[in-house]
């Protein structure tokens, strides 16, 4: 498995990276959109670790992921383009 895109994202988010993101500044936020719940869960777990973020700095709750996942399964055939993202 190639993680080069993930490594590029981490490098851009780290201090001094291309995005110049300040995780301790609550007004400075990064929003990531993913197509799959599994990708979102991977990013949440690994970005917290790799960027040394506190739990409060990652705002997508497990309960929210589960609720949206159930919703997506039930309504997938009705309007796939209108399905919500995981967070």
C-alpha atoms as a PDB file:
ATOM      1  CA  UNK A   1       0.000   0.000   0.000  1.00  0.00           C
ATOM      2  CA  UNK A   2       1.311   3.452  -0.938  1.00  0.00           C
ATOM      3  CA  UNK A   3       0.952   6.130   1.720  1.00  0.00           C
ATOM      4  CA  UNK A   4       2.659   8.924  -0.237  1.00  0.00           C
ATOM      5  CA  UNK A   5      -0.515  11.068  -0.333  1.00  0.00           C
ATOM      6  CA  UNK A   6      -0.920  10.689   3.419  1.00  0.00           C
ATOM      7  CA  UNK A   7       2.734  11.561   4.000  1.00  0.00           C
ATOM      8  CA  UNK A   8       2.334  14.660   1.799  1.00  0.00           C
ATOM      9  CA  UNK A   9      -0.712  15.711   3.845  1.00  0.00           C
ATOM     10  CA  UNK A  10       1.157  15.257   7.138  1.00  0.00           C
ATOM     11  CA  UNK A  11       4.129  17.253   5.833  1.00  0.00           C
ATOM     12  CA  UNK A  12       1.788  20.086   4.753  1.00  0.00           C
ATOM     13  CA  UNK A  13       0.082  20.157   8.168  1.00  0.00           C
ATOM     14  CA  UNK A  14       3.195  20.011  10.345  1.00  0.00           C
ATOM     15  CA  UNK A  15       4.669  23.257  11.707  1.00  0.00           C
ATOM     16  CA  UNK A  16       6.530  24.957   8.904  1.00  0.00           C
ATOM     17  CA  UNK A  17       4.538  22.989   6.322  1.00  0.00           C
ATOM     18  CA  UNK A  18       2.931  24.415   3.208  1.00  0.00           C
ATOM     19  CA  UNK A  19      -0.414  25.064   4.917  1.00  0.00           C
ATOM     20  CA  UNK A  20       1.151  26.955   7.815  1.00  0.00           C
ATOM     21  CA  UNK A  21      -1.521  25.434  10.067  1.00  0.00           C
ATOM     22  CA  UNK A  22      -1.519  26.295  13.770  1.00  0.00           C
ATOM     23  CA  UNK A  23      -3.382  23.494  15.593  1.00  0.00           C
ATOM     24  CA  UNK A  24      -3.384  25.369  18.913  1.00  0.00           C
ATOM     25  CA  UNK A  25      -5.149  28.360  17.328  1.00  0.00           C
ATOM     26  CA  UNK A  26      -8.871  27.524  17.521  1.00  0.00           C
ATOM     27  CA  UNK A  27      -9.618  29.929  14.664  1.00  0.00           C
ATOM     28  CA  UNK A  28      -7.247  28.043  12.360  1.00  0.00           C
ATOM     29  CA  UNK A  29      -8.992  24.891  11.163  1.00  0.00           C
ATOM     30  CA  UNK A  30      -8.436  22.200   8.595  1.00  0.00           C
ATOM     31  CA  UNK A  31     -11.423  20.385   7.094  1.00  0.00           C
ATOM     32  CA  UNK A  32     -10.855  17.118   5.268  1.00  0.00           C
ATOM     33  CA  UNK A  33     -13.534  15.475   3.152  1.00  0.00           C
ATOM     34  CA  UNK A  34     -13.425  11.767   2.472  1.00  0.00           C
ATOM     35  CA  UNK A  35     -15.642   9.489   0.458  1.00  0.00           C
ATOM     36  CA  UNK A  36     -15.342   6.477   2.732  1.00  0.00           C
ATOM     37  CA  UNK A  37     -15.900   6.173   6.474  1.00  0.00           C
ATOM     38  CA  UNK A  38     -12.867   3.881   6.727  1.00  0.00           C
ATOM     39  CA  UNK A  39     -10.659   6.612   5.266  1.00  0.00           C
ATOM     40  CA  UNK A  40     -12.021   9.118   7.767  1.00  0.00           C
ATOM     41  CA  UNK A  41     -11.326   6.763  10.657  1.00  0.00           C
ATOM     42  CA  UNK A  42      -7.798   6.105   9.371  1.00  0.00           C
ATOM     43  CA  UNK A  43      -7.098   9.844   9.062  1.00  0.00           C
ATOM     44  CA  UNK A  44      -8.503  10.618  12.488  1.00  0.00           C
ATOM     45  CA  UNK A  45      -6.416   7.954  14.202  1.00  0.00           C
ATOM     46  CA  UNK A  46      -3.177   8.527  12.331  1.00  0.00           C
ATOM     47  CA  UNK A  47      -3.263  12.318  12.104  1.00  0.00           C
ATOM     48  CA  UNK A  48      -3.843  12.550  15.852  1.00  0.00           C
ATOM     49  CA  UNK A  49      -0.790  10.396  16.381  1.00  0.00           C
ATOM     50  CA  UNK A  50       1.485  11.836  13.702  1.00  0.00           C
ATOM     51  CA  UNK A  51       0.650  15.471  14.466  1.00  0.00           C
ATOM     52  CA  UNK A  52       0.430  14.916  18.244  1.00  0.00           C
ATOM     53  CA  UNK A  53      -3.089  16.328  18.433  1.00  0.00           C
ATOM     54  CA  UNK A  54      -5.261  16.184  21.530  1.00  0.00           C
ATOM     55  CA  UNK A  55      -8.605  14.391  21.281  1.00  0.00           C
ATOM     56  CA  UNK A  56     -10.398  17.734  21.479  1.00  0.00           C
ATOM     57  CA  UNK A  57      -8.581  18.869  18.325  1.00  0.00           C
ATOM     58  CA  UNK A  58     -10.202  16.078  16.319  1.00  0.00           C
ATOM     59  CA  UNK A  59     -13.907  16.814  16.413  1.00  0.00           C
ATOM     60  CA  UNK A  60     -15.422  13.911  14.527  1.00  0.00           C
ATOM     61  CA  UNK A  61     -16.949  11.601  17.112  1.00  0.00           C
ATOM     62  CA  UNK A  62     -17.306   7.876  16.741  1.00  0.00           C
ATOM     63  CA  UNK A  63     -21.037   8.194  17.422  1.00  0.00           C
ATOM     64  CA  UNK A  64     -21.417  10.703  14.595  1.00  0.00           C
ATOM     65  CA  UNK A  65     -19.527   8.423  12.201  1.00  0.00           C
ATOM     66  CA  UNK A  66     -21.773   5.493  13.132  1.00  0.00           C
ATOM     67  CA  UNK A  67     -24.992   7.507  12.740  1.00  0.00           C
ATOM     68  CA  UNK A  68     -24.011   8.844   9.326  1.00  0.00           C
ATOM     69  CA  UNK A  69     -22.856   5.407   8.211  1.00  0.00           C
ATOM     70  CA  UNK A  70     -26.287   3.940   9.064  1.00  0.00           C
ATOM     71  CA  UNK A  71     -28.035   6.818   7.298  1.00  0.00           C
ATOM     72  CA  UNK A  72     -25.897   6.377   4.179  1.00  0.00           C
ATOM     73  CA  UNK A  73     -26.687   2.650   3.996  1.00  0.00           C
ATOM     74  CA  UNK A  74     -30.446   3.241   4.281  1.00  0.00           C
ATOM     75  CA  UNK A  75     -30.674   6.100   1.787  1.00  0.00           C
ATOM     76  CA  UNK A  76     -27.904   5.196  -0.683  1.00  0.00           C
ATOM     77  CA  UNK A  77     -30.279   4.346  -3.538  1.00  0.00           C
ATOM     78  CA  UNK A  78     -32.532   7.387  -3.186  1.00  0.00           C
ATOM     79  CA  UNK A  79     -30.146  10.274  -3.689  1.00  0.00           C
ATOM     80  CA  UNK A  80     -26.470   9.283  -3.590  1.00  0.00           C
ATOM     81  CA  UNK A  81     -25.276  12.790  -4.434  1.00  0.00           C
ATOM     82  CA  UNK A  82     -27.066  14.213  -1.383  1.00  0.00           C
ATOM     83  CA  UNK A  83     -25.593  11.882   1.213  1.00  0.00           C
ATOM     84  CA  UNK A  84     -23.793  13.658   4.066  1.00  0.00           C
ATOM     85  CA  UNK A  85     -20.115  13.399   4.716  1.00  0.00           C
ATOM     86  CA  UNK A  86     -18.954  11.664   7.865  1.00  0.00           C
ATOM     87  CA  UNK A  87     -18.404  14.851   9.861  1.00  0.00           C
END
